Amino acid sequence: KIGFLKKKKKKKKNLELELRSSVPLVLSSWIQTATIPSAVTRVIFHPVFSVMVSASEDATIKVWDYETGDFERTLKGHTDSVQDISFDHSGKLLASCSADMTIKLWDFQGFECIRTMHGHDHNVSSVAIMPNGDHIVSASRDKTIKTIKMWEVQTGYCMKTFTGHREWVRMVRPNQDGTLIASCSNDQTVRVWVVATKECKAELREHEHVVECISWAPESSYSSISEATGSETKKSGKPGPFLLSGSRDKTIKMWDVSTGMCLMTLVGHDNWVRGVLFHSGGEFILSCADDKTLRVWDYKNKRCMKTLKAAIDYVSFGPSSLFSSGCTLMIPWLPH
């Protein structure tokens, strides 16, 4: 079952260095596409092997070789649309969440579901394995209170519930060290939570519509963000952390979480912003929207560097490629 994974191990370090030094401006002439009958909701990369995983509205999770574009296998277990997926740092575990109101934990070495977590009362819209690998965080459109839950990987028990959003929580993401969780919601806010205390550290309010997506800035970008925005350095002498958000108000905002201030607003998309993230080297921002474009932003100069026409609603970086998802998987985007 794991033979094909072992064959995929590459010199990841060299690829990462190549990607960090590249400016993502053009699509490679080497592009594979994989058409799936149902809409693709998420695409993520295996942290070690040249494998990617997609989630779709047909209730399945599919495994692909992203170097060749070959389909490898399907993971079945959910009974409704799979909304989000997440690997642990080793790539041995995969978490998934679904409109069937469950979260599933998969042994990615044996491709078997080892645990199903119940507790949300509505569509589970987002899931992420915490950096320590011991807990899973999820977000939902629960009936009475709009909640974020934290689950213990080993037992499947719900350990904590974070409440405060007034409407559907669209996405939840932990920061790099797992001390903070960011969430965004239909209530037009982004919230940042302290994991240890469940305290809402910051409520970020400037969007004028549903906030669809969030992304933490990599630490490699902190210095350049501080320089570009003039954000204050904390007493510790360290800038950040910083967070991106994308909204149905067609804008992308960058936030200084320590102060709660919006540092900049990027305007250019003509429809709802569905996905946003930093380039792996921290030098650029990428976004996609319902205007059927993927945009590359130079945040230092607050300008759009490149617009690519593509009907996509989620973007994700791997060791040497950019992937996007929608009704079709585009495999891959190799920067020149």
C-alpha atoms as a PDB file:
ATOM      1  CA  LYS A   1       0.000   0.000   0.000  1.00  0.00           C
ATOM      2  CA  ILE A   2       2.855   2.395   0.668  1.00  0.00           C
ATOM      3  CA  GLY A   3       5.167   1.305  -2.137  1.00  0.00           C
ATOM      4  CA  PHE A   4       4.183   4.127  -4.438  1.00  0.00           C
ATOM      5  CA  LEU A   5       4.826   6.665  -1.669  1.00  0.00           C
ATOM      6  CA  LYS A   6       8.364   5.427  -1.107  1.00  0.00           C
ATOM      7  CA  LYS A   7       9.090   5.821  -4.800  1.00  0.00           C
ATOM      8  CA  LYS A   8       8.049   9.481  -4.672  1.00  0.00           C
ATOM      9  CA  LYS A   9      10.649  10.731  -2.190  1.00  0.00           C
ATOM     10  CA  LYS A  10      12.717  13.476  -3.816  1.00  0.00           C
ATOM     11  CA  LYS A  11      15.416  15.945  -2.971  1.00  0.00           C
ATOM     12  CA  LYS A  12      12.933  18.253  -1.348  1.00  0.00           C
ATOM     13  CA  LYS A  13      15.474  20.703   0.025  1.00  0.00           C
ATOM     14  CA  ASN A  14      16.798  21.623  -3.407  1.00  0.00           C
ATOM     15  CA  LEU A  15      13.283  22.104  -4.762  1.00  0.00           C
ATOM     16  CA  GLU A  16      12.345  24.371  -1.872  1.00  0.00           C
ATOM     17  CA  LEU A  17      15.442  26.498  -2.436  1.00  0.00           C
ATOM     18  CA  GLU A  18      14.584  26.764  -6.123  1.00  0.00           C
ATOM     19  CA  LEU A  19      11.023  27.812  -5.335  1.00  0.00           C
ATOM     20  CA  ARG A  20      12.089  30.404  -2.772  1.00  0.00           C
ATOM     21  CA  SER A  21      14.321  32.089  -5.321  1.00  0.00           C
ATOM     22  CA  SER A  22      11.679  32.104  -8.048  1.00  0.00           C
ATOM     23  CA  VAL A  23       9.217  34.820  -8.946  1.00  0.00           C
ATOM     24  CA  PRO A  24       5.848  33.204  -9.792  1.00  0.00           C
ATOM     25  CA  LEU A  25       4.899  35.076 -12.948  1.00  0.00           C
ATOM     26  CA  VAL A  26       4.190  32.554 -15.668  1.00  0.00           C
ATOM     27  CA  LEU A  27       2.566  29.198 -16.073  1.00  0.00           C
ATOM     28  CA  SER A  28       4.952  26.454 -17.052  1.00  0.00           C
ATOM     29  CA  SER A  29       4.567  24.914 -20.488  1.00  0.00           C
ATOM     30  CA  TRP A  30       4.458  21.628 -18.555  1.00  0.00           C
ATOM     31  CA  ILE A  31       0.910  21.536 -17.256  1.00  0.00           C
ATOM     32  CA  GLN A  32      -1.175  18.460 -16.588  1.00  0.00           C
ATOM     33  CA  THR A  33      -4.860  18.653 -15.807  1.00  0.00           C
ATOM     34  CA  ALA A  34      -7.031  16.121 -14.071  1.00  0.00           C
ATOM     35  CA  THR A  35     -10.759  16.466 -14.537  1.00  0.00           C
ATOM     36  CA  ILE A  36     -13.000  15.246 -11.724  1.00  0.00           C
ATOM     37  CA  PRO A  37     -16.799  14.856 -12.098  1.00  0.00           C
ATOM     38  CA  SER A  38     -17.556  16.827  -8.922  1.00  0.00           C
ATOM     39  CA  ALA A  39     -16.159  20.180  -7.860  1.00  0.00           C
ATOM     40  CA  VAL A  40     -12.863  20.048  -5.991  1.00  0.00           C
ATOM     41  CA  THR A  41     -12.983  21.809  -2.631  1.00  0.00           C
ATOM     42  CA  ARG A  42      -9.354  21.506  -1.456  1.00  0.00           C
ATOM     43  CA  VAL A  43      -5.924  20.444  -2.697  1.00  0.00           C
ATOM     44  CA  ILE A  44      -2.979  19.869  -0.354  1.00  0.00           C
ATOM     45  CA  PHE A  45       0.528  18.422  -0.630  1.00  0.00           C
ATOM     46  CA  HIS A  46       2.092  15.545   1.240  1.00  0.00           C
ATOM     47  CA  PRO A  47       4.881  17.061   3.391  1.00  0.00           C
ATOM     48  CA  VAL A  48       7.466  14.472   2.294  1.00  0.00           C
ATOM     49  CA  PHE A  49       6.505  12.686  -0.916  1.00  0.00           C
ATOM     50  CA  SER A  50       5.574  14.009  -4.357  1.00  0.00           C
ATOM     51  CA  VAL A  51       1.923  13.282  -3.656  1.00  0.00           C
ATOM     52  CA  MET A  52      -1.089  15.562  -3.506  1.00  0.00           C
ATOM     53  CA  VAL A  53      -4.543  14.941  -2.119  1.00  0.00           C
ATOM     54  CA  SER A  54      -7.817  16.466  -3.293  1.00  0.00           C
ATOM     55  CA  ALA A  55     -11.203  16.676  -1.602  1.00  0.00           C
ATOM     56  CA  SER A  56     -14.402  17.018  -3.577  1.00  0.00           C
ATOM     57  CA  GLU A  57     -18.146  17.393  -3.374  1.00  0.00           C
ATOM     58  CA  ASP A  58     -18.712  13.748  -4.327  1.00  0.00           C
ATOM     59  CA  ALA A  59     -17.763  12.790  -0.713  1.00  0.00           C
ATOM     60  CA  THR A  60     -14.399  11.328  -1.744  1.00  0.00           C
ATOM     61  CA  ILE A  61     -10.730  12.097  -1.191  1.00  0.00           C
ATOM     62  CA  LYS A  62      -8.377  11.340  -4.059  1.00  0.00           C
ATOM     63  CA  VAL A  63      -4.624  10.753  -4.066  1.00  0.00           C
ATOM     64  CA  TRP A  64      -2.468  11.873  -7.000  1.00  0.00           C
ATOM     65  CA  ASP A  65       1.128  11.790  -8.167  1.00  0.00           C
ATOM     66  CA  TYR A  66       1.707  15.475  -8.844  1.00  0.00           C
ATOM     67  CA  GLU A  67       4.817  14.911 -10.948  1.00  0.00           C
ATOM     68  CA  THR A  68       2.968  12.867 -13.557  1.00  0.00           C
ATOM     69  CA  GLY A  69      -0.636  13.868 -12.869  1.00  0.00           C
ATOM     70  CA  ASP A  70      -1.523  10.186 -12.409  1.00  0.00           C
ATOM     71  CA  PHE A  71      -4.459   9.265 -10.202  1.00  0.00           C
ATOM     72  CA  GLU A  72      -3.462   6.766  -7.495  1.00  0.00           C
ATOM     73  CA  ARG A  73      -6.468   5.922  -5.305  1.00  0.00           C
ATOM     74  CA  THR A  74      -9.723   7.072  -3.687  1.00  0.00           C
ATOM     75  CA  LEU A  75     -10.477   7.269   0.036  1.00  0.00           C
ATOM     76  CA  LYS A  76     -14.152   6.703   0.812  1.00  0.00           C
ATOM     77  CA  GLY A  77     -16.006   7.096   4.088  1.00  0.00           C
ATOM     78  CA  HIS A  78     -17.770  10.438   4.151  1.00  0.00           C
ATOM     79  CA  THR A  79     -21.388  10.567   3.004  1.00  0.00           C
ATOM     80  CA  ASP A  80     -21.488  14.206   1.876  1.00  0.00           C
ATOM     81  CA  SER A  81     -19.161  16.814   0.397  1.00  0.00           C
ATOM     82  CA  VAL A  82     -15.625  16.788   1.838  1.00  0.00           C
ATOM     83  CA  GLN A  83     -14.909  20.408   2.740  1.00  0.00           C
ATOM     84  CA  ASP A  84     -11.301  20.446   3.931  1.00  0.00           C
ATOM     85  CA  ILE A  85      -8.264  18.197   4.476  1.00  0.00           C
ATOM     86  CA  SER A  86      -5.019  18.478   6.438  1.00  0.00           C
ATOM     87  CA  PHE A  87      -1.820  16.453   6.922  1.00  0.00           C
ATOM     88  CA  ASP A  88       0.180  16.214  10.112  1.00  0.00           C
ATOM     89  CA  HIS A  89       3.839  17.264   9.869  1.00  0.00           C
ATOM     90  CA  SER A  90       5.011  13.715   9.104  1.00  0.00           C
ATOM     91  CA  GLY A  91       2.390  12.954   6.477  1.00  0.00           C
ATOM     92  CA  LYS A  92       1.363   9.769   8.277  1.00  0.00           C
ATOM     93  CA  LEU A  93      -2.054  11.126   9.275  1.00  0.00           C
ATOM     94  CA  LEU A  94      -4.689  12.909   7.201  1.00  0.00           C
ATOM     95  CA  ALA A  95      -7.701  14.691   8.688  1.00  0.00           C
ATOM     96  CA  SER A  96     -10.851  15.452   6.700  1.00  0.00           C
ATOM     97  CA  CYS A  97     -14.132  17.203   7.452  1.00  0.00           C
ATOM     98  CA  SER A  98     -17.442  17.052   5.689  1.00  0.00           C
ATOM     99  CA  ALA A  99     -20.942  18.382   5.262  1.00  0.00           C
ATOM    100  CA  ASP A 100     -21.982  15.051   6.845  1.00  0.00           C
ATOM    101  CA  MET A 101     -21.079  16.761  10.184  1.00  0.00           C
ATOM    102  CA  THR A 102     -18.096  14.498  10.904  1.00  0.00           C
ATOM    103  CA  ILE A 103     -14.322  14.694  11.012  1.00  0.00           C
ATOM    104  CA  LYS A 104     -12.335  11.652   9.966  1.00  0.00           C
ATOM    105  CA  LEU A 105      -8.743  10.729  10.726  1.00  0.00           C
ATOM    106  CA  TRP A 106      -6.971   8.570   8.149  1.00  0.00           C
ATOM    107  CA  ASP A 107      -3.857   6.432   8.411  1.00  0.00           C
ATOM    108  CA  PHE A 108      -2.182   7.634   5.223  1.00  0.00           C
ATOM    109  CA  GLN A 109       0.247   4.727   5.220  1.00  0.00           C
ATOM    110  CA  GLY A 110      -2.531   2.151   5.101  1.00  0.00           C
ATOM    111  CA  PHE A 111      -5.163   4.465   3.549  1.00  0.00           C
ATOM    112  CA  GLU A 112      -7.707   3.508   6.196  1.00  0.00           C
ATOM    113  CA  CYS A 113     -10.052   5.592   8.328  1.00  0.00           C
ATOM    114  CA  ILE A 114      -8.952   5.014  11.923  1.00  0.00           C
ATOM    115  CA  ARG A 115     -11.286   7.412  13.708  1.00  0.00           C
ATOM    116  CA  THR A 116     -14.515   9.357  13.138  1.00  0.00           C
ATOM    117  CA  MET A 117     -15.270  12.350  15.339  1.00  0.00           C
ATOM    118  CA  HIS A 118     -18.829  13.491  16.017  1.00  0.00           C
ATOM    119  CA  GLY A 119     -19.863  16.629  17.873  1.00  0.00           C
ATOM    120  CA  HIS A 120     -20.659  19.371  15.398  1.00  0.00           C
ATOM    121  CA  ASP A 121     -24.344  19.916  14.652  1.00  0.00           C
ATOM    122  CA  HIS A 122     -23.927  21.234  11.119  1.00  0.00           C
ATOM    123  CA  ASN A 123     -21.649  21.272   8.090  1.00  0.00           C
ATOM    124  CA  VAL A 124     -17.990  21.054   9.211  1.00  0.00           C
ATOM    125  CA  SER A 125     -16.347  23.603   6.956  1.00  0.00           C
ATOM    126  CA  SER A 126     -12.687  23.530   7.969  1.00  0.00           C
ATOM    127  CA  VAL A 127     -10.146  21.257   9.649  1.00  0.00           C
ATOM    128  CA  ALA A 128      -6.437  21.427  10.482  1.00  0.00           C
ATOM    129  CA  ILE A 129      -4.033  19.190  12.378  1.00  0.00           C
ATOM    130  CA  MET A 130      -2.138  21.251  14.941  1.00  0.00           C
ATOM    131  CA  PRO A 131       1.655  21.550  14.510  1.00  0.00           C
ATOM    132  CA  ASN A 132       2.334  19.229  17.474  1.00  0.00           C
ATOM    133  CA  GLY A 133       0.320  16.496  15.752  1.00  0.00           C
ATOM    134  CA  ASP A 134      -1.634  15.721  18.932  1.00  0.00           C
ATOM    135  CA  HIS A 135      -4.774  17.739  18.245  1.00  0.00           C
ATOM    136  CA  ILE A 136      -7.158  18.629  15.438  1.00  0.00           C
ATOM    137  CA  VAL A 137      -9.024  21.915  15.193  1.00  0.00           C
ATOM    138  CA  SER A 138     -12.290  22.239  13.269  1.00  0.00           C
ATOM    139  CA  ALA A 139     -14.856  24.892  12.402  1.00  0.00           C
ATOM    140  CA  SER A 140     -18.543  24.566  11.660  1.00  0.00           C
ATOM    141  CA  ARG A 141     -21.896  26.108  10.881  1.00  0.00           C
ATOM    142  CA  ASP A 142     -23.448  24.839  14.104  1.00  0.00           C
ATOM    143  CA  LYS A 143     -27.095  25.439  14.908  1.00  0.00           C
ATOM    144  CA  THR A 144     -26.993  27.650  17.985  1.00  0.00           C
ATOM    145  CA  ILE A 145     -23.441  28.815  18.533  1.00  0.00           C
ATOM    146  CA  LYS A 146     -20.925  29.062  15.755  1.00  0.00           C
ATOM    147  CA  THR A 147     -18.060  27.004  17.065  1.00  0.00           C
ATOM    148  CA  ILE A 148     -14.461  25.964  16.703  1.00  0.00           C
ATOM    149  CA  LYS A 149     -13.553  22.676  18.373  1.00  0.00           C
ATOM    150  CA  MET A 150     -10.260  21.048  19.297  1.00  0.00           C
ATOM    151  CA  TRP A 151      -9.998  17.262  19.251  1.00  0.00           C
ATOM    152  CA  GLU A 152      -7.455  14.856  20.703  1.00  0.00           C
ATOM    153  CA  VAL A 153      -5.921  12.767  17.930  1.00  0.00           C
ATOM    154  CA  GLN A 154      -5.282   9.702  20.087  1.00  0.00           C
ATOM    155  CA  THR A 155      -8.799   9.382  21.512  1.00  0.00           C
ATOM    156  CA  GLY A 156     -11.021  11.448  19.229  1.00  0.00           C
ATOM    157  CA  TYR A 157     -12.417  13.340  22.220  1.00  0.00           C
ATOM    158  CA  CYS A 158     -13.369  17.000  21.932  1.00  0.00           C
ATOM    159  CA  MET A 159     -11.012  18.788  24.324  1.00  0.00           C
ATOM    160  CA  LYS A 160     -12.015  22.438  23.846  1.00  0.00           C
ATOM    161  CA  THR A 161     -14.735  24.523  22.247  1.00  0.00           C
ATOM    162  CA  PHE A 162     -14.060  28.109  21.161  1.00  0.00           C
ATOM    163  CA  THR A 163     -17.176  30.253  20.862  1.00  0.00           C
ATOM    164  CA  GLY A 164     -17.665  33.845  19.807  1.00  0.00           C
ATOM    165  CA  HIS A 165     -18.443  34.038  16.119  1.00  0.00           C
ATOM    166  CA  ARG A 166     -22.073  34.903  15.482  1.00  0.00           C
ATOM    167  CA  GLU A 167     -22.367  33.152  12.128  1.00  0.00           C
ATOM    168  CA  TRP A 168     -20.887  30.304  10.102  1.00  0.00           C
ATOM    169  CA  VAL A 169     -17.135  29.843  10.679  1.00  0.00           C
ATOM    170  CA  ARG A 170     -15.653  29.408   7.204  1.00  0.00           C
ATOM    171  CA  MET A 171     -12.027  28.556   7.928  1.00  0.00           C
ATOM    172  CA  VAL A 172      -9.729  27.868  10.858  1.00  0.00           C
ATOM    173  CA  ARG A 173      -5.918  27.721  10.759  1.00  0.00           C
ATOM    174  CA  PRO A 174      -3.268  27.376  13.515  1.00  0.00           C
ATOM    175  CA  ASN A 175      -0.137  29.490  13.456  1.00  0.00           C
ATOM    176  CA  GLN A 176       3.310  27.941  13.003  1.00  0.00           C
ATOM    177  CA  ASP A 177       3.927  27.047  16.647  1.00  0.00           C
ATOM    178  CA  GLY A 178       0.336  26.114  17.453  1.00  0.00           C
ATOM    179  CA  THR A 179      -0.137  28.725  20.183  1.00  0.00           C
ATOM    180  CA  LEU A 180      -2.737  30.690  18.218  1.00  0.00           C
ATOM    181  CA  ILE A 181      -5.704  29.806  16.023  1.00  0.00           C
ATOM    182  CA  ALA A 182      -7.172  32.161  13.429  1.00  0.00           C
ATOM    183  CA  SER A 183     -10.744  31.870  12.184  1.00  0.00           C
ATOM    184  CA  CYS A 184     -12.954  33.742   9.736  1.00  0.00           C
ATOM    185  CA  SER A 185     -16.698  33.878   9.443  1.00  0.00           C
ATOM    186  CA  ASN A 186     -19.870  34.994   7.740  1.00  0.00           C
ATOM    187  CA  ASP A 187     -20.088  37.588  10.525  1.00  0.00           C
ATOM    188  CA  GLN A 188     -17.454  39.579   8.557  1.00  0.00           C
ATOM    189  CA  THR A 189     -14.771  39.181  11.227  1.00  0.00           C
ATOM    190  CA  VAL A 190     -11.446  37.441  11.630  1.00  0.00           C
ATOM    191  CA  ARG A 191     -10.702  36.241  15.150  1.00  0.00           C
ATOM    192  CA  VAL A 192      -7.455  35.089  16.725  1.00  0.00           C
ATOM    193  CA  TRP A 193      -7.632  32.715  19.694  1.00  0.00           C
ATOM    194  CA  VAL A 194      -5.098  31.733  22.353  1.00  0.00           C
ATOM    195  CA  VAL A 195      -5.094  27.936  22.360  1.00  0.00           C
ATOM    196  CA  ALA A 196      -4.060  27.529  26.008  1.00  0.00           C
ATOM    197  CA  THR A 197      -6.839  29.719  27.438  1.00  0.00           C
ATOM    198  CA  LYS A 198      -9.492  29.777  24.660  1.00  0.00           C
ATOM    199  CA  GLU A 199      -9.335  33.572  24.941  1.00  0.00           C
ATOM    200  CA  CYS A 200     -10.141  35.637  21.855  1.00  0.00           C
ATOM    201  CA  LYS A 201      -6.908  37.616  21.514  1.00  0.00           C
ATOM    202  CA  ALA A 202      -8.099  39.799  18.631  1.00  0.00           C
ATOM    203  CA  GLU A 203     -11.286  40.510  16.708  1.00  0.00           C
ATOM    204  CA  LEU A 204     -10.327  41.974  13.350  1.00  0.00           C
ATOM    205  CA  ARG A 205     -13.072  44.097  11.788  1.00  0.00           C
ATOM    206  CA  GLU A 206     -12.747  45.942   8.502  1.00  0.00           C
ATOM    207  CA  HIS A 207     -14.202  43.617   5.893  1.00  0.00           C
ATOM    208  CA  GLU A 208     -17.648  44.546   4.599  1.00  0.00           C
ATOM    209  CA  HIS A 209     -18.825  41.053   3.646  1.00  0.00           C
ATOM    210  CA  VAL A 210     -18.272  37.376   4.486  1.00  0.00           C
ATOM    211  CA  VAL A 211     -14.606  36.530   5.135  1.00  0.00           C
ATOM    212  CA  GLU A 212     -13.908  33.393   3.098  1.00  0.00           C
ATOM    213  CA  CYS A 213     -10.248  32.603   3.764  1.00  0.00           C
ATOM    214  CA  ILE A 214      -7.239  33.280   5.969  1.00  0.00           C
ATOM    215  CA  SER A 215      -3.530  32.494   5.864  1.00  0.00           C
ATOM    216  CA  TRP A 216      -0.707  33.050   8.346  1.00  0.00           C
ATOM    217  CA  ALA A 217       2.404  34.802   7.071  1.00  0.00           C
ATOM    218  CA  PRO A 218       5.569  32.667   7.226  1.00  0.00           C
ATOM    219  CA  GLU A 219       8.170  33.940   9.669  1.00  0.00           C
ATOM    220  CA  SER A 220      10.535  34.467   6.728  1.00  0.00           C
ATOM    221  CA  SER A 221       8.293  37.351   5.633  1.00  0.00           C
ATOM    222  CA  TYR A 222       8.129  39.204   8.967  1.00  0.00           C
ATOM    223  CA  SER A 223      11.037  41.556   8.336  1.00  0.00           C
ATOM    224  CA  SER A 224       9.891  42.537   4.855  1.00  0.00           C
ATOM    225  CA  ILE A 225       6.307  43.040   6.049  1.00  0.00           C
ATOM    226  CA  SER A 226       7.480  45.270   8.886  1.00  0.00           C
ATOM    227  CA  GLU A 227       9.607  47.264   6.475  1.00  0.00           C
ATOM    228  CA  ALA A 228       6.816  47.585   3.917  1.00  0.00           C
ATOM    229  CA  THR A 229       4.095  48.548   6.381  1.00  0.00           C
ATOM    230  CA  GLY A 230       6.003  50.344   9.103  1.00  0.00           C
ATOM    231  CA  SER A 231       4.384  48.097  11.711  1.00  0.00           C
ATOM    232  CA  GLU A 232       5.678  48.470  15.237  1.00  0.00           C
ATOM    233  CA  THR A 233       8.064  45.928  16.705  1.00  0.00           C
ATOM    234  CA  LYS A 234       6.906  44.400  19.982  1.00  0.00           C
ATOM    235  CA  LYS A 235       8.838  44.810  23.245  1.00  0.00           C
ATOM    236  CA  SER A 236      10.356  41.383  22.596  1.00  0.00           C
ATOM    237  CA  GLY A 237      12.040  42.865  19.532  1.00  0.00           C
ATOM    238  CA  LYS A 238      10.248  40.477  17.198  1.00  0.00           C
ATOM    239  CA  PRO A 239       7.689  41.660  14.627  1.00  0.00           C
ATOM    240  CA  GLY A 240       4.450  39.835  13.900  1.00  0.00           C
ATOM    241  CA  PRO A 241       2.624  37.587  13.773  1.00  0.00           C
ATOM    242  CA  PHE A 242       0.847  38.641  10.581  1.00  0.00           C
ATOM    243  CA  LEU A 243      -2.287  37.295   8.947  1.00  0.00           C
ATOM    244  CA  LEU A 244      -3.984  37.544   5.551  1.00  0.00           C
ATOM    245  CA  SER A 245      -7.731  37.460   4.941  1.00  0.00           C
ATOM    246  CA  GLY A 246      -9.805  37.343   1.765  1.00  0.00           C
ATOM    247  CA  SER A 247     -13.446  38.360   1.554  1.00  0.00           C
ATOM    248  CA  ARG A 248     -16.567  38.574  -0.538  1.00  0.00           C
ATOM    249  CA  ASP A 249     -16.008  42.337  -0.443  1.00  0.00           C
ATOM    250  CA  LYS A 250     -13.384  41.572  -3.166  1.00  0.00           C
ATOM    251  CA  THR A 251     -10.431  42.655  -1.028  1.00  0.00           C
ATOM    252  CA  ILE A 252      -7.422  41.065   0.648  1.00  0.00           C
ATOM    253  CA  LYS A 253      -6.294  42.473   3.977  1.00  0.00           C
ATOM    254  CA  MET A 254      -3.070  42.051   5.917  1.00  0.00           C
ATOM    255  CA  TRP A 255      -3.250  42.253   9.710  1.00  0.00           C
ATOM    256  CA  ASP A 256      -0.775  42.729  12.525  1.00  0.00           C
ATOM    257  CA  VAL A 257      -2.186  40.300  15.075  1.00  0.00           C
ATOM    258  CA  SER A 258      -0.254  41.804  17.991  1.00  0.00           C
ATOM    259  CA  THR A 259      -1.933  45.205  17.528  1.00  0.00           C
ATOM    260  CA  GLY A 260      -5.131  44.212  15.720  1.00  0.00           C
ATOM    261  CA  MET A 261      -4.396  46.773  13.010  1.00  0.00           C
ATOM    262  CA  CYS A 262      -5.078  46.333   9.299  1.00  0.00           C
ATOM    263  CA  LEU A 263      -1.719  47.050   7.650  1.00  0.00           C
ATOM    264  CA  MET A 264      -2.880  47.119   4.045  1.00  0.00           C
ATOM    265  CA  THR A 265      -5.777  46.354   1.718  1.00  0.00           C
ATOM    266  CA  LEU A 266      -5.145  44.897  -1.730  1.00  0.00           C
ATOM    267  CA  VAL A 267      -7.820  45.785  -4.285  1.00  0.00           C
ATOM    268  CA  GLY A 268      -8.093  44.334  -7.778  1.00  0.00           C
ATOM    269  CA  HIS A 269     -10.328  41.282  -7.854  1.00  0.00           C
ATOM    270  CA  ASP A 270     -13.766  41.826  -9.403  1.00  0.00           C
ATOM    271  CA  ASN A 271     -15.583  39.171  -7.376  1.00  0.00           C
ATOM    272  CA  TRP A 272     -15.456  37.188  -4.130  1.00  0.00           C
ATOM    273  CA  VAL A 273     -11.924  36.296  -2.987  1.00  0.00           C
ATOM    274  CA  ARG A 274     -11.882  32.545  -2.302  1.00  0.00           C
ATOM    275  CA  GLY A 275      -8.247  31.752  -1.543  1.00  0.00           C
ATOM    276  CA  VAL A 276      -5.169  33.603  -0.352  1.00  0.00           C
ATOM    277  CA  LEU A 277      -1.658  32.638   0.758  1.00  0.00           C
ATOM    278  CA  PHE A 278       1.930  33.766   0.889  1.00  0.00           C
ATOM    279  CA  HIS A 279       4.493  32.529  -1.593  1.00  0.00           C
ATOM    280  CA  SER A 280       6.737  30.041   0.226  1.00  0.00           C
ATOM    281  CA  GLY A 281       9.630  32.501   0.263  1.00  0.00           C
ATOM    282  CA  GLY A 282       7.433  35.159   1.850  1.00  0.00           C
ATOM    283  CA  GLU A 283       8.023  37.700  -0.916  1.00  0.00           C
ATOM    284  CA  PHE A 284       4.657  37.578  -2.670  1.00  0.00           C
ATOM    285  CA  ILE A 285       0.968  36.999  -2.016  1.00  0.00           C
ATOM    286  CA  LEU A 286      -1.219  34.823  -4.226  1.00  0.00           C
ATOM    287  CA  SER A 287      -4.992  34.997  -4.403  1.00  0.00           C
ATOM    288  CA  CYS A 288      -7.855  33.527  -6.393  1.00  0.00           C
ATOM    289  CA  ALA A 289     -11.424  34.687  -6.781  1.00  0.00           C
ATOM    290  CA  ASP A 290     -14.763  34.154  -8.461  1.00  0.00           C
ATOM    291  CA  ASP A 291     -13.654  36.580 -11.175  1.00  0.00           C
ATOM    292  CA  LYS A 292     -11.816  33.520 -12.570  1.00  0.00           C
ATOM    293  CA  THR A 293      -8.355  34.935 -11.958  1.00  0.00           C
ATOM    294  CA  LEU A 294      -5.317  34.027  -9.934  1.00  0.00           C
ATOM    295  CA  ARG A 295      -3.299  37.091  -8.973  1.00  0.00           C
ATOM    296  CA  VAL A 296       0.278  37.537  -7.805  1.00  0.00           C
ATOM    297  CA  TRP A 297       0.803  40.547  -5.537  1.00  0.00           C
ATOM    298  CA  ASP A 298       3.937  42.472  -4.656  1.00  0.00           C
ATOM    299  CA  TYR A 299       2.834  43.537  -1.196  1.00  0.00           C
ATOM    300  CA  LYS A 300       5.889  45.747  -0.669  1.00  0.00           C
ATOM    301  CA  ASN A 301       4.588  48.036  -3.409  1.00  0.00           C
ATOM    302  CA  LYS A 302       0.919  47.124  -2.911  1.00  0.00           C
ATOM    303  CA  ARG A 303       0.415  46.202  -6.555  1.00  0.00           C
ATOM    304  CA  CYS A 304      -0.741  43.232  -8.605  1.00  0.00           C
ATOM    305  CA  MET A 305       2.248  41.874 -10.539  1.00  0.00           C
ATOM    306  CA  LYS A 306       0.470  39.285 -12.649  1.00  0.00           C
ATOM    307  CA  THR A 307      -3.056  38.112 -13.427  1.00  0.00           C
ATOM    308  CA  LEU A 308      -3.660  34.583 -14.680  1.00  0.00           C
ATOM    309  CA  LYS A 309      -7.019  33.553 -16.107  1.00  0.00           C
ATOM    310  CA  ALA A 310      -8.255  30.413 -14.373  1.00  0.00           C
ATOM    311  CA  ALA A 311     -11.560  29.265 -12.865  1.00  0.00           C
ATOM    312  CA  ILE A 312     -10.290  28.301  -9.414  1.00  0.00           C
ATOM    313  CA  ASP A 313     -11.265  28.767  -5.791  1.00  0.00           C
ATOM    314  CA  TYR A 314      -8.321  27.501  -3.730  1.00  0.00           C
ATOM    315  CA  VAL A 315      -4.536  27.679  -4.014  1.00  0.00           C
ATOM    316  CA  SER A 316      -1.808  25.668  -2.311  1.00  0.00           C
ATOM    317  CA  PHE A 317       1.975  25.472  -2.534  1.00  0.00           C
ATOM    318  CA  GLY A 318       4.033  22.307  -2.558  1.00  0.00           C
ATOM    319  CA  PRO A 319       7.802  21.750  -2.677  1.00  0.00           C
ATOM    320  CA  SER A 320       8.137  22.863  -6.303  1.00  0.00           C
ATOM    321  CA  SER A 321       4.690  23.752  -7.562  1.00  0.00           C
ATOM    322  CA  LEU A 322       1.570  25.801  -7.119  1.00  0.00           C
ATOM    323  CA  PHE A 323      -1.736  23.972  -7.284  1.00  0.00           C
ATOM    324  CA  SER A 324      -5.202  25.336  -7.615  1.00  0.00           C
ATOM    325  CA  SER A 325      -8.571  23.688  -7.317  1.00  0.00           C
ATOM    326  CA  GLY A 326     -12.011  24.182  -8.751  1.00  0.00           C
ATOM    327  CA  CYS A 327     -13.755  21.881 -11.190  1.00  0.00           C
ATOM    328  CA  THR A 328     -10.332  20.905 -12.533  1.00  0.00           C
ATOM    329  CA  LEU A 329      -6.949  20.369 -10.923  1.00  0.00           C
ATOM    330  CA  MET A 330      -4.142  22.243 -12.638  1.00  0.00           C
ATOM    331  CA  ILE A 331      -0.913  20.305 -12.238  1.00  0.00           C
ATOM    332  CA  PRO A 332       1.515  21.976 -11.667  1.00  0.00           C
ATOM    333  CA  TRP A 333       2.604  25.595 -11.868  1.00  0.00           C
ATOM    334  CA  LEU A 334       6.387  25.687 -11.975  1.00  0.00           C
ATOM    335  CA  PRO A 335       7.738  29.218 -11.501  1.00  0.00           C
ATOM    336  CA  HIS A 336      10.321  30.447 -14.003  1.00  0.00           C
END
